[in-house]
Structure formats: C-alpha cells, structure tokens
Amino acid sequence: MDNNSYLINLTCSVCGRTFLADQLQTYCPDCSAPLLAKYDLPAIRRDLDRHLVTQRPKGMWRWFELLPVRQRQNITTLGEGDTPLLRLDELGKHFGLRNLFMKEESQNPTGTFKARGMAAAVSKASELGITKLVIPSAGNAGGAMAAYAARAGMEALIYMPENSPSSNILESKMMGARVELVDGLIDLAGKYAQQMESSEAWFNMSTFKEPYRLEGKKIMGYEIAESFGWKLPDVIIYPTGGGTGLVGMWKAFSELKELGWLESQSLPRMISVQAEGCAPVVKAIHLGSMRCEPWQEAHTIAAGLCVPKSFADQLILKDIRQSNGTAISVSDADILHWQSQLAEKEGIFACPEGAATLAGLVILLKEGVISPDESIVLFNTGSGLKYICP
C-alpha cells in the first residue's frame, strides 16, 4: 500500500454495506447512517509495534497508519493531539476518589477537541480534491473547520445559530470563512448547509455526515490507552452533543483489542453527559429506545450540548450499551458551579461542556454508579476562554 496506508474501505454502521474509501463518500443512502473507516488491522499488527508509535514526534499524526489519509504530504495539521491527561488531586480528595483524571482538550489548536476531527476530515477532503467546505456549527466545530480550511487553501462556509458564542463567530471570520447566522438551533443550520451542498456543490462537513471527523476524534482513545500503560480506565465521562468523540473512542478501543496492544481486555464504561435542557440520549437510554427523539425547545448554556438529535443516535446508544455505560443530564446551574470549582481547585478553566462532566460525576457518585476505587477520566473538550463574550 502506498506510503503505509492501511485504510481498506468504509462500511455502513447499520447495514454493513461497503463503500470505496478512495471516492468521495458521505453516509449510507439506504440507512441514512454514518460510515465507519475500516483498516487492515492484521497487517498493522504485523508491521507496526506500539512502542514505535510512542517514539515518534508528538501529535495526532504519529498514529498515521490508523488514520484515513493515503499520502503523508496530504496531511493538513496545526499540531493537534497529545493533550495532557491530568490527575485531579484536589477534587479527588474532595470526593474520596483515588484515581480521578481529566483529558485536557483545550490545548488543541483553536482551543477545543474539534481540531482533531477537522484535521483528519479536511486532510482527507483535500486528498480527494475538495475545495469548498460547508458546515452547521454551534461554534467550535465551525472555528476549527475555518482554521484547517485556511491551512489547506479551501473555501469555508459556516452556518451558526445567532446565539453562538461571539468568540466563535469572530474566530471563524478571522480565518477567512463566510459565516451565516441562523435564527434557530443547530438542526436549522444543518438544513441550510444541506441546501448549499445540493445547490452549489459545497462538501458538507456535518457531524457524521462525512466519515473522517470520527477518525481524528478516535485518537483520544489511543492516547488514553498509552497514558494508562496500555490499559484503560474503568469509566469515561464524556459530554455528548453530536457524539463523535464517544463513538470514536469506542471504535479506538475495538481496534486496540484487535491489534493486541492492550494489556487488559477490560474496557471502560462510557457515560454520556447532557444538559437538562437538551438530553435526547439520556431519555433514549432510560426508555430503552434504539433511536433518539428530537428534543423540543432545546436550550442550555453549553452550546456544544444543544443538539436536539444526533445523526448518529443509533450508534451512540449502541456503544453506550455495549460498554455497560449510561447517560445522565445536569442542570446549567450545576455546570456553572462545577466550572468554578474546577478552576479554583485545579486551575482548569473548562468550557461548560467540560464542566458538565464534573457535574455528572457528582450525581453518579451520589447514585452509587461509580465506586471510589475506580479510575475515572473526565473530558474537558475546550477552553472556557472561548465563552467569554465582549
């Protein structure tokens, strides 16, 4: 394979139909479901030692064999990946937890984990000859796409709800993107993006409507495994809007098992945290449903959690259940309180979505879902600085 590319094809996450990875793809037309990248894992297991990866220069692309770009020269990067896994000593003492950690994604380019997905997706789009990208975004994904599109010399068009953080709007415009504000939520922005895709041949980078943002996000799972000495934590608490990171990490853990790189076969329980004002995954998990119903009148201070229904709802619910995990919702008041506590006790100014995971931990401990001797990883998906409005 050219330049150690191990990508084989894409498969539908519902029906299993295969699609060519060297042609432009979106999602399965039969199932309206996301496509998942498939790699020649037996060949990677034969050709690549996990310790070789750890010796490479830091960054997401040291995992190149497990990413979808065929040729290294087609990589578009701003230095994303390899964010720190921080032990939360003070909060751990407060809660009586011996192994509490936070994956600090705010240290990515553009200040959020969205940089990972966009690095992979924009790189692949560039490799396939795409020059115009459109996306609906509550803020951070749009800013990240604008940055990577600029880096790759592409045009960028972003539809954002008009109540998106002003920092994201300014950031996107600064990167040269065209920003259109929408009087509505992310689902309405998505409709506008789809119209542009159909009428003016813009390639739609919506969450799960192209296959490769997931691949960039999954590297968070590889980094966690490496940080824990090729074992995995007992619990991962993750803020869930579109759900790309949750699904991506679960995919990474499956790949790690097949590669034989894990020292333990025990996988973490994936716990989804949503806002009380927009909790379709929580509702579906507790009702035992296979799909999420669109959340009516969605509202929350955490813009990234204000997703009335993810395009990958079936996949999110499936992965949570396979992990023996669950989903919980938290109030905006609790998000603000624990955002402040995380800053005061640990020096981490988390975005509201990241603070939601700490608010969720409090509930999980009270309910006895998590025990004090378990290892727990919270995710801060971005910097709280991006929510400071002028």
Protein backbone atom coordinates (compact mmCIF):
# COMPACT_ATOMS: atom_id res chain seq x y z
CA MET A 1 0.00 0.00 0.00
CA ASP A 2 1.24 3.50 -0.81
CA ASN A 3 3.23 5.08 1.98
CA ASN A 4 1.99 2.68 4.67
CA SER A 5 -1.70 3.43 4.16
CA TYR A 6 -3.80 0.69 5.77
CA LEU A 7 -7.27 2.09 5.01
CA ILE A 8 -9.38 -0.56 3.26
CA ASN A 9 -12.88 0.85 2.81
CA LEU A 10 -15.88 2.33 4.56
CA THR A 11 -18.79 0.36 6.00
CA CYS A 12 -22.30 1.42 6.98
CA SER A 13 -22.69 1.38 10.76
CA VAL A 14 -26.19 -0.11 10.42
CA CYS A 15 -26.38 -2.45 7.40
CA GLY A 16 -22.68 -3.15 6.87
CA ARG A 17 -22.67 -2.19 3.18
CA THR A 18 -19.18 -1.29 1.97
CA PHE A 19 -18.12 1.88 0.15
CA LEU A 20 -14.88 2.77 -1.62
CA ALA A 21 -12.62 4.93 0.51
CA ASP A 22 -10.81 6.48 -2.47
CA GLN A 23 -14.02 8.05 -3.73
CA LEU A 24 -15.88 10.90 -2.08
CA GLN A 25 -18.41 9.48 0.39
CA THR A 26 -20.91 10.92 2.82
CA TYR A 27 -23.22 8.45 4.61
CA CYS A 28 -25.19 5.32 3.72
CA PRO A 29 -28.04 6.34 1.38
CA ASP A 30 -30.10 3.28 2.33
CA CYS A 31 -29.90 3.65 6.11
CA SER A 32 -29.14 7.37 6.50
CA ALA A 33 -26.44 6.19 8.86
CA PRO A 34 -22.75 7.07 9.35
CA LEU A 35 -19.96 5.27 7.53
CA LEU A 36 -17.04 3.88 9.51
CA ALA A 37 -13.48 3.60 8.21
CA LYS A 38 -12.05 0.08 8.17
CA TYR A 39 -8.32 -0.63 8.33
CA ASP A 40 -6.22 -3.70 7.67
CA LEU A 41 -5.62 -4.28 11.37
CA PRO A 42 -3.91 -7.69 10.96
CA ALA A 43 -1.36 -6.02 8.67
CA ILE A 44 -0.86 -3.15 11.10
CA ARG A 45 -0.39 -5.67 13.91
CA ARG A 46 2.26 -7.38 11.78
CA ASP A 47 4.03 -4.23 10.57
CA LEU A 48 3.77 -1.77 13.45
CA ASP A 49 4.87 -2.02 17.06
CA ARG A 50 3.03 0.16 19.55
CA HIS A 51 6.35 1.28 21.07
CA LEU A 52 7.42 2.66 17.69
CA VAL A 53 4.41 4.99 17.77
CA THR A 54 5.38 6.29 21.21
CA GLN A 55 8.86 7.21 19.94
CA ARG A 56 7.62 9.38 17.07
CA PRO A 57 7.32 13.18 17.29
CA LYS A 58 4.31 14.18 19.35
CA GLY A 59 0.95 14.89 17.72
CA MET A 60 -2.10 13.13 16.36
CA TRP A 61 -0.38 12.08 13.15
CA ARG A 62 2.10 9.76 14.84
CA TRP A 63 -0.81 7.32 14.58
CA PHE A 64 -0.75 7.73 10.79
CA GLU A 65 -1.35 4.04 10.00
CA LEU A 66 -4.67 4.24 11.87
CA LEU A 67 -5.82 7.41 10.15
CA PRO A 68 -7.51 7.72 6.72
CA VAL A 69 -5.07 9.83 4.69
CA ARG A 70 -3.26 7.84 1.98
CA GLN A 71 -0.25 10.11 1.41
CA ARG A 72 1.55 11.94 4.19
CA GLN A 73 2.00 15.02 2.01
CA ASN A 74 -1.78 15.46 2.07
CA ILE A 75 -1.89 15.96 5.84
CA THR A 76 -3.20 19.34 6.99
CA THR A 77 -2.04 19.95 10.54
CA LEU A 78 -1.76 22.71 13.12
CA GLY A 79 -0.13 20.48 15.74
CA GLU A 80 -3.27 18.84 17.14
CA GLY A 81 -3.30 15.91 19.55
CA ASP A 82 -1.29 14.64 22.51
CA THR A 83 -3.20 16.71 25.02
CA PRO A 84 -2.35 16.06 28.67
CA LEU A 85 -4.09 13.61 30.96
CA LEU A 86 -4.14 15.44 34.28
CA ARG A 87 -4.68 13.90 37.68
CA LEU A 88 -7.28 15.91 39.64
CA ASP A 89 -5.75 15.61 43.10
CA GLU A 90 -7.77 18.24 44.98
CA LEU A 91 -11.12 17.22 43.56
CA GLY A 92 -10.16 13.59 44.00
CA LYS A 93 -9.57 14.18 47.72
CA HIS A 94 -12.84 16.11 47.95
CA PHE A 95 -14.81 13.20 46.51
CA GLY A 96 -12.75 10.42 48.07
CA LEU A 97 -11.52 9.21 44.68
CA ARG A 98 -8.05 7.76 44.30
CA ASN A 99 -7.83 7.90 40.51
CA LEU A 100 -9.62 10.89 39.03
CA PHE A 101 -8.26 12.35 35.79
CA MET A 102 -9.17 14.89 33.16
CA LYS A 103 -8.22 14.74 29.50
CA GLU A 104 -7.48 18.39 28.77
CA GLU A 105 -8.51 19.01 25.17
CA SER A 106 -8.41 22.80 25.39
CA GLN A 107 -4.71 22.66 24.49
CA ASN A 108 -5.52 21.69 20.91
CA PRO A 109 -5.30 24.26 18.10
CA THR A 110 -8.39 26.55 18.13
CA GLY A 111 -8.77 25.66 21.82
CA THR A 112 -11.00 22.59 21.50
CA PHE A 113 -11.07 18.90 20.62
CA LYS A 114 -12.81 19.83 17.35
CA ALA A 115 -9.33 20.39 15.90
CA ARG A 116 -8.72 16.64 15.89
CA GLY A 117 -11.73 15.77 13.77
CA MET A 118 -11.23 18.66 11.39
CA ALA A 119 -7.55 17.83 10.89
CA ALA A 120 -8.50 14.35 9.70
CA ALA A 121 -11.57 15.37 7.70
CA VAL A 122 -10.01 18.37 5.96
CA SER A 123 -6.88 16.36 5.15
CA LYS A 124 -8.95 13.62 3.54
CA ALA A 125 -11.17 16.10 1.70
CA SER A 126 -8.07 17.80 0.31
CA GLU A 127 -6.66 14.44 -0.78
CA LEU A 128 -9.92 13.75 -2.64
CA GLY A 129 -9.82 17.11 -4.43
CA ILE A 130 -12.45 19.03 -2.46
CA THR A 131 -12.05 22.81 -2.43
CA LYS A 132 -15.27 24.11 -0.80
CA LEU A 133 -16.45 23.09 2.69
CA VAL A 134 -19.72 23.90 4.44
CA ILE A 135 -20.76 23.09 7.99
CA PRO A 136 -23.52 23.80 10.51
CA SER A 137 -21.93 24.56 13.87
CA ALA A 138 -22.82 25.77 17.34
CA GLY A 139 -19.40 27.41 17.35
CA ASN A 140 -16.26 25.38 17.95
CA ALA A 141 -16.53 22.98 15.01
CA GLY A 142 -17.01 25.96 12.70
CA GLY A 143 -13.97 27.72 14.09
CA ALA A 144 -11.87 24.58 13.69
CA MET A 145 -13.07 23.97 10.15
CA ALA A 146 -12.30 27.57 9.23
CA ALA A 147 -8.76 27.19 10.55
CA TYR A 148 -7.99 23.93 8.78
CA ALA A 149 -9.68 25.08 5.57
CA ALA A 150 -7.45 28.16 5.63
CA ARG A 151 -4.43 25.97 6.22
CA ALA A 152 -5.39 23.76 3.26
CA GLY A 153 -6.29 26.65 0.95
CA MET A 154 -10.01 25.81 0.83
CA GLU A 155 -13.15 27.93 0.96
CA ALA A 156 -15.23 27.65 4.14
CA LEU A 157 -18.91 28.42 4.70
CA ILE A 158 -20.37 28.15 8.21
CA TYR A 159 -23.99 28.31 9.35
CA MET A 160 -24.22 29.15 13.06
CA PRO A 161 -27.15 29.79 15.38
CA GLU A 162 -27.17 33.53 16.01
CA ASN A 163 -26.76 32.93 19.77
CA SER A 164 -23.45 31.09 19.24
CA PRO A 165 -20.54 32.44 21.32
CA SER A 166 -19.29 35.65 19.74
CA SER A 167 -15.73 34.39 20.05
CA ASN A 168 -16.54 31.54 17.65
CA ILE A 169 -18.13 33.90 15.15
CA LEU A 170 -15.14 36.24 15.26
CA GLU A 171 -12.69 33.34 15.12
CA SER A 172 -14.32 31.88 12.02
CA LYS A 173 -14.41 35.22 10.22
CA MET A 174 -10.80 35.90 11.15
CA MET A 175 -9.84 32.63 9.45
CA GLY A 176 -11.45 33.83 6.24
CA ALA A 177 -14.67 31.82 6.45
CA ARG A 178 -18.03 33.11 5.34
CA VAL A 179 -20.33 32.99 8.37
CA GLU A 180 -24.12 32.98 8.07
CA LEU A 181 -26.09 33.39 11.31
CA VAL A 182 -29.32 31.43 11.65
CA ASP A 183 -32.41 32.30 13.70
CA GLY A 184 -32.71 28.85 15.23
CA LEU A 185 -30.74 25.88 16.55
CA ILE A 186 -28.09 23.64 15.04
CA ASP A 187 -30.72 21.50 13.28
CA LEU A 188 -31.90 24.51 11.26
CA ALA A 189 -28.29 25.43 10.49
CA GLY A 190 -27.91 21.87 9.23
CA LYS A 191 -30.78 22.33 6.80
CA TYR A 192 -29.14 25.40 5.32
CA ALA A 193 -25.83 23.56 4.97
CA GLN A 194 -27.59 20.69 3.21
CA GLN A 195 -29.21 23.11 0.78
CA MET A 196 -25.81 24.55 -0.13
CA GLU A 197 -24.42 21.05 -0.56
CA SER A 198 -27.19 20.25 -3.03
CA SER A 199 -27.38 23.52 -4.94
CA GLU A 200 -23.81 24.83 -5.07
CA ALA A 201 -21.61 21.74 -4.66
CA TRP A 202 -20.16 22.57 -1.25
CA PHE A 203 -18.96 19.45 0.60
CA ASN A 204 -20.89 19.04 3.84
CA MET A 205 -18.70 18.50 6.94
CA SER A 206 -21.66 17.98 9.31
CA THR A 207 -21.12 15.65 12.24
CA PHE A 208 -21.25 12.03 10.99
CA LYS A 209 -22.38 13.10 7.51
CA GLU A 210 -18.82 12.58 6.35
CA PRO A 211 -16.75 9.63 7.61
CA TYR A 212 -13.49 11.13 8.81
CA ARG A 213 -14.06 13.59 11.65
CA LEU A 214 -14.70 10.45 13.70
CA GLU A 215 -11.24 9.15 12.84
CA GLY A 216 -9.49 12.20 14.21
CA LYS A 217 -11.52 12.08 17.42
CA LYS A 218 -10.81 8.37 17.97
CA ILE A 219 -7.14 9.13 18.58
CA MET A 220 -8.19 10.41 22.01
CA GLY A 221 -8.82 6.74 22.80
CA TYR A 222 -5.36 5.70 21.65
CA GLU A 223 -3.77 8.44 23.75
CA ILE A 224 -5.70 7.36 26.84
CA ALA A 225 -4.57 3.74 26.38
CA GLU A 226 -0.97 4.86 26.04
CA SER A 227 -1.23 7.14 29.10
CA PHE A 228 -2.54 4.27 31.23
CA GLY A 229 0.26 1.91 30.20
CA TRP A 230 -1.83 0.19 27.53
CA LYS A 231 -4.66 -0.45 29.92
CA LEU A 232 -7.89 1.54 30.02
CA PRO A 233 -9.70 3.40 32.81
CA ASP A 234 -12.80 1.95 34.41
CA VAL A 235 -15.04 4.89 33.49
CA ILE A 236 -15.01 7.64 30.87
CA ILE A 237 -17.43 10.52 31.39
CA TYR A 238 -17.97 12.39 28.17
CA PRO A 239 -20.09 15.43 27.20
CA THR A 240 -22.34 14.40 24.33
CA GLY A 241 -23.84 16.61 21.65
CA GLY A 242 -23.19 15.08 18.25
CA GLY A 243 -21.35 12.21 19.92
CA THR A 244 -18.34 11.92 17.61
CA GLY A 245 -15.81 11.66 20.40
CA LEU A 246 -17.71 8.98 22.31
CA VAL A 247 -18.22 6.83 19.22
CA GLY A 248 -14.66 7.48 18.06
CA MET A 249 -13.10 6.35 21.32
CA TRP A 250 -15.21 3.19 21.45
CA LYS A 251 -14.02 2.44 17.90
CA ALA A 252 -10.43 3.02 19.03
CA PHE A 253 -10.82 0.55 21.90
CA SER A 254 -12.15 -2.08 19.50
CA GLU A 255 -9.20 -1.51 17.17
CA LEU A 256 -6.75 -1.67 20.08
CA LYS A 257 -8.14 -5.05 21.11
CA GLU A 258 -7.78 -6.42 17.59
CA LEU A 259 -4.24 -5.05 17.36
CA GLY A 260 -3.34 -6.87 20.56
CA TRP A 261 -1.95 -3.67 22.06
CA LEU A 262 -3.95 -3.73 25.31
CA GLU A 263 -2.50 -5.26 28.48
CA SER A 264 -6.01 -5.84 29.80
CA GLN A 265 -9.17 -6.76 27.92
CA SER A 266 -11.34 -4.72 30.30
CA LEU A 267 -13.00 -1.77 28.52
CA PRO A 268 -14.34 1.38 30.19
CA ARG A 269 -17.97 2.15 30.84
CA MET A 270 -18.87 5.06 28.59
CA ILE A 271 -21.08 7.56 30.37
CA SER A 272 -22.71 10.30 28.35
CA VAL A 273 -23.46 13.65 29.98
CA GLN A 274 -26.02 16.01 28.52
CA ALA A 275 -27.76 19.19 29.66
CA GLU A 276 -31.18 19.00 31.24
CA GLY A 277 -32.43 21.41 28.58
CA CYS A 278 -31.34 19.06 25.76
CA ALA A 279 -30.99 15.40 26.72
CA PRO A 280 -32.20 13.14 23.89
CA VAL A 281 -29.56 10.45 24.57
CA VAL A 282 -30.40 10.36 28.28
CA LYS A 283 -34.08 9.95 27.53
CA ALA A 284 -33.48 7.17 24.99
CA ILE A 285 -31.14 5.27 27.33
CA HIS A 286 -33.62 5.35 30.20
CA LEU A 287 -36.55 4.39 27.97
CA GLY A 288 -34.59 1.56 26.36
CA SER A 289 -35.13 3.08 22.92
CA MET A 290 -32.99 2.30 19.88
CA ARG A 291 -33.35 5.84 18.49
CA CYS A 292 -33.47 9.31 19.97
CA GLU A 293 -36.48 11.54 19.57
CA PRO A 294 -35.72 15.14 18.60
CA TRP A 295 -35.61 17.26 21.76
CA GLN A 296 -38.18 20.02 21.73
CA GLU A 297 -37.24 23.59 22.68
CA ALA A 298 -33.62 22.66 23.35
CA HIS A 299 -31.71 25.16 25.48
CA THR A 300 -28.52 25.19 27.56
CA ILE A 301 -25.55 27.44 28.24
CA ALA A 302 -23.34 24.67 26.86
CA ALA A 303 -23.65 25.37 23.12
CA GLY A 304 -21.96 22.13 22.14
CA LEU A 305 -24.60 20.11 24.02
CA CYS A 306 -27.52 21.88 22.35
CA VAL A 307 -28.04 19.18 19.70
CA PRO A 308 -31.72 18.15 19.56
CA LYS A 309 -30.87 14.86 17.80
CA SER A 310 -27.57 13.47 16.62
CA PHE A 311 -27.37 11.96 13.14
CA ALA A 312 -25.57 9.02 14.78
CA ASP A 313 -28.10 8.41 17.56
CA GLN A 314 -28.30 4.65 16.90
CA LEU A 315 -24.54 4.33 17.06
CA ILE A 316 -24.21 6.41 20.23
CA LEU A 317 -26.85 4.37 22.06
CA LYS A 318 -25.35 1.09 20.84
CA ASP A 319 -21.86 1.99 22.04
CA ILE A 320 -23.04 3.18 25.46
CA ARG A 321 -24.94 -0.07 25.98
CA GLN A 322 -22.10 -2.26 24.72
CA SER A 323 -19.84 -0.63 27.28
CA ASN A 324 -22.37 -1.20 30.10
CA GLY A 325 -22.48 2.57 30.43
CA THR A 326 -25.31 5.02 30.94
CA ALA A 327 -26.32 8.63 30.32
CA ILE A 328 -27.21 11.42 32.73
CA SER A 329 -28.28 15.05 32.49
CA VAL A 330 -27.11 18.02 34.52
CA SER A 331 -28.52 21.49 35.11
CA ASP A 332 -26.98 24.68 33.79
CA ALA A 333 -26.66 25.88 37.39
CA ASP A 334 -24.58 22.82 38.28
CA ILE A 335 -22.46 23.28 35.16
CA LEU A 336 -21.60 26.84 36.25
CA HIS A 337 -20.93 25.79 39.83
CA TRP A 338 -18.55 22.97 38.95
CA GLN A 339 -16.90 25.04 36.23
CA SER A 340 -15.95 27.44 39.01
CA GLN A 341 -14.81 24.66 41.34
CA LEU A 342 -12.68 23.04 38.65
CA ALA A 343 -10.97 26.37 38.05
CA GLU A 344 -10.46 27.18 41.75
CA LYS A 345 -9.28 23.74 42.86
CA GLU A 346 -7.39 22.51 39.79
CA GLY A 347 -6.54 25.59 37.73
CA ILE A 348 -8.52 24.38 34.72
CA PHE A 349 -10.87 26.89 33.11
CA ALA A 350 -13.09 24.40 31.31
CA CYS A 351 -15.76 25.10 28.76
CA PRO A 352 -19.33 24.46 30.00
CA GLU A 353 -19.39 21.12 28.18
CA GLY A 354 -16.26 20.01 30.03
CA ALA A 355 -17.60 21.23 33.38
CA ALA A 356 -20.74 19.20 32.71
CA THR A 357 -18.70 16.01 33.13
CA LEU A 358 -17.71 17.04 36.66
CA ALA A 359 -21.33 17.93 37.44
CA GLY A 360 -22.27 14.50 36.13
CA LEU A 361 -19.64 12.81 38.29
CA VAL A 362 -21.23 14.29 41.40
CA ILE A 363 -24.58 12.72 40.51
CA LEU A 364 -23.01 9.38 39.62
CA LEU A 365 -21.22 9.22 42.96
CA LYS A 366 -24.39 10.05 44.88
CA GLU A 367 -26.27 7.35 42.99
CA GLY A 368 -23.53 4.77 43.58
CA VAL A 369 -22.89 4.26 39.87
CA ILE A 370 -19.16 4.85 40.40
CA SER A 371 -17.12 3.45 43.28
CA PRO A 372 -14.15 5.28 44.92
CA ASP A 373 -11.55 2.74 43.81
CA GLU A 374 -12.34 3.04 40.11
CA SER A 375 -10.19 5.01 37.67
CA ILE A 376 -12.22 7.78 36.08
CA VAL A 377 -11.46 10.08 33.15
CA LEU A 378 -13.44 13.28 32.64
CA PHE A 379 -13.18 15.16 29.37
CA ASN A 380 -12.76 18.89 29.08
CA THR A 381 -13.45 19.41 25.40
CA GLY A 382 -12.43 23.06 25.18
CA SER A 383 -11.30 26.26 26.81
CA GLY A 384 -13.66 28.34 28.89
CA LEU A 385 -11.97 31.41 27.42
CA LYS A 386 -13.95 30.86 24.23
CA TYR A 387 -17.16 31.57 26.11
CA ILE A 388 -16.09 34.96 27.42
CA CYS A 389 -18.06 37.44 25.37
CA PRO A 390 -17.05 41.09 24.92
